[in-house]
Amino acid sequence: MRKWFYGVFLMVAVVFGLMATPDVASAQDYYSCTDRMTGYSYYVMTETIDDDGYGKIFVSTRQVAADGVHSRVLKWGFAFDEGSCYGSCITDSSLTPSGNDVRNSAVARSIIRTTYYLLHGKNHPYLS
């Protein structure tokens, strides 16, 4: 009888414990920029940020059309090397900056600035 009572008591405690645990998911899309040429807005998807700790950062963005209805997800890769930042859009190579230098693309530069700030709470000296 005791084993049965303790078993029921434990199961009830676990159920109430799970119900009392708050959800801690914090995935958000942060506005990064709007491309004046195309009208597309770009949002950094926080749950996709991957910093390898050695100067490479991967992130996905949501590209939203001016009508606010159509959107797609784009994967980006960035690398910091010898005082420079290189980037490319893995999903759509037409968005990759010329020479892969983020200074040649306002969109790529804004995306890595937003991502770096979300990761470290400050701007990267090269991107300031």
Protein backbone atom coordinates (compact mmCIF):
# COMPACT_ATOMS: atom_id res chain seq x y z
CA MET A 1 0.00 0.00 0.00
CA ARG A 2 2.85 2.39 0.81
CA LYS A 3 4.56 1.84 -2.55
CA TRP A 4 1.31 2.62 -4.35
CA PHE A 5 0.80 5.81 -2.29
CA TYR A 6 4.37 7.03 -2.88
CA GLY A 7 4.07 6.24 -6.60
CA VAL A 8 0.85 8.28 -6.94
CA PHE A 9 2.31 11.07 -4.81
CA LEU A 10 5.42 11.24 -6.99
CA MET A 11 3.39 11.29 -10.21
CA VAL A 12 1.13 14.09 -8.92
CA ALA A 13 4.21 16.10 -7.82
CA VAL A 14 5.82 15.73 -11.24
CA VAL A 15 2.64 16.82 -13.06
CA PHE A 16 2.23 19.89 -10.85
CA GLY A 17 5.93 20.68 -11.18
CA LEU A 18 5.70 20.62 -14.99
CA MET A 19 2.62 22.84 -14.93
CA ALA A 20 4.36 25.38 -12.69
CA THR A 21 7.51 25.58 -14.82
CA PRO A 22 7.43 28.73 -16.99
CA ASP A 23 8.28 28.59 -20.68
CA VAL A 24 11.73 30.05 -21.27
CA ALA A 25 11.90 30.13 -25.05
CA SER A 26 12.99 33.54 -26.23
CA ALA A 27 13.19 33.32 -30.01
CA GLN A 28 12.66 36.72 -31.58
CA ASP A 29 13.15 38.46 -34.88
CA TYR A 30 15.02 41.78 -34.55
CA TYR A 31 14.67 44.42 -37.23
CA SER A 32 18.00 45.05 -38.95
CA CYS A 33 17.37 47.24 -42.01
CA THR A 34 15.30 48.01 -45.09
CA ASP A 35 16.88 47.88 -48.53
CA ARG A 36 15.95 51.16 -50.24
CA MET A 37 16.46 49.67 -53.69
CA THR A 38 14.09 46.69 -53.30
CA GLY A 39 11.91 47.66 -50.35
CA TYR A 40 12.68 44.40 -48.54
CA SER A 41 13.10 44.54 -44.77
CA TYR A 42 15.47 42.18 -42.98
CA TYR A 43 15.00 40.72 -39.49
CA VAL A 44 17.69 38.76 -37.62
CA MET A 45 16.27 35.50 -36.22
CA THR A 46 17.87 35.16 -32.77
CA GLU A 47 17.34 31.42 -32.45
CA THR A 48 19.53 30.82 -35.51
CA ILE A 49 22.63 32.75 -34.40
CA ASP A 50 25.69 30.48 -34.32
CA ASP A 51 29.02 31.97 -33.21
CA ASP A 52 31.85 29.44 -33.42
CA GLY A 53 34.05 31.58 -31.15
CA TYR A 54 36.82 31.78 -33.76
CA GLY A 55 35.55 34.68 -35.85
CA LYS A 56 32.82 32.93 -37.86
CA ILE A 57 29.16 33.75 -37.33
CA PHE A 58 26.18 32.16 -39.07
CA VAL A 59 22.68 33.59 -38.85
CA SER A 60 19.36 33.42 -40.64
CA THR A 61 17.27 36.43 -41.50
CA ARG A 62 13.68 36.87 -42.48
CA GLN A 63 13.39 38.92 -45.67
CA VAL A 64 9.96 40.59 -45.75
CA ALA A 65 8.53 42.21 -48.89
CA ALA A 66 7.19 45.76 -48.76
CA ASP A 67 3.61 44.39 -48.77
CA GLY A 68 4.37 42.69 -45.43
CA VAL A 69 2.82 39.45 -46.64
CA HIS A 70 5.57 37.69 -48.58
CA SER A 71 8.72 36.59 -46.83
CA ARG A 72 11.52 34.07 -47.00
CA VAL A 73 14.34 32.91 -44.75
CA LEU A 74 17.93 33.56 -45.82
CA LYS A 75 21.05 31.98 -44.28
CA TRP A 76 24.15 34.17 -43.96
CA GLY A 77 27.77 33.47 -43.08
CA PHE A 78 30.27 36.05 -41.80
CA ALA A 79 33.95 35.89 -40.91
CA PHE A 80 36.24 38.40 -39.20
CA ASP A 81 39.84 38.26 -40.39
CA GLU A 82 42.73 40.70 -39.98
CA GLY A 83 40.56 43.75 -39.32
CA SER A 84 38.06 42.95 -42.08
CA CYS A 85 34.62 41.35 -42.15
CA TYR A 86 33.59 39.11 -45.00
CA GLY A 87 30.07 37.90 -45.58
CA SER A 88 27.93 35.94 -47.96
CA CYS A 89 24.30 35.00 -48.33
CA ILE A 90 24.35 31.22 -48.52
CA THR A 91 20.72 30.97 -49.66
CA ASP A 92 20.79 33.64 -52.38
CA SER A 93 24.21 34.45 -53.82
CA SER A 94 22.86 37.57 -55.55
CA LEU A 95 22.80 39.22 -52.09
CA THR A 96 26.46 38.44 -51.38
CA PRO A 97 28.50 41.68 -51.30
CA SER A 98 31.03 42.19 -54.08
CA GLY A 99 34.40 40.85 -52.99
CA ASN A 100 32.53 39.39 -49.99
CA ASP A 101 33.45 42.57 -48.05
CA VAL A 102 30.47 43.71 -45.96
CA ARG A 103 31.43 47.34 -46.58
CA ASN A 104 30.17 46.81 -50.15
CA SER A 105 26.61 45.99 -49.05
CA ALA A 106 24.46 48.05 -46.70
CA VAL A 107 22.23 45.02 -46.08
CA ALA A 108 25.05 42.60 -45.20
CA ARG A 109 26.74 45.20 -43.01
CA SER A 110 23.53 45.94 -41.14
CA ILE A 111 22.80 42.23 -40.60
CA ILE A 112 26.22 41.48 -39.10
CA ARG A 113 26.09 44.66 -36.99
CA THR A 114 22.72 43.65 -35.54
CA THR A 115 23.87 40.05 -35.00
CA TYR A 116 27.14 41.06 -33.35
CA TYR A 117 25.30 43.46 -31.06
CA LEU A 118 22.80 40.76 -30.05
CA LEU A 119 25.68 38.37 -29.28
CA HIS A 120 28.01 40.73 -27.42
CA GLY A 121 25.94 43.76 -26.38
CA LYS A 122 28.31 46.12 -28.17
CA ASN A 123 29.37 47.08 -31.69
CA HIS A 124 32.39 45.51 -33.34
CA PRO A 125 35.12 48.16 -33.89
CA TYR A 126 35.39 47.31 -37.61
CA LEU A 127 31.65 47.73 -38.13
CA SER A 128 31.23 51.02 -36.27
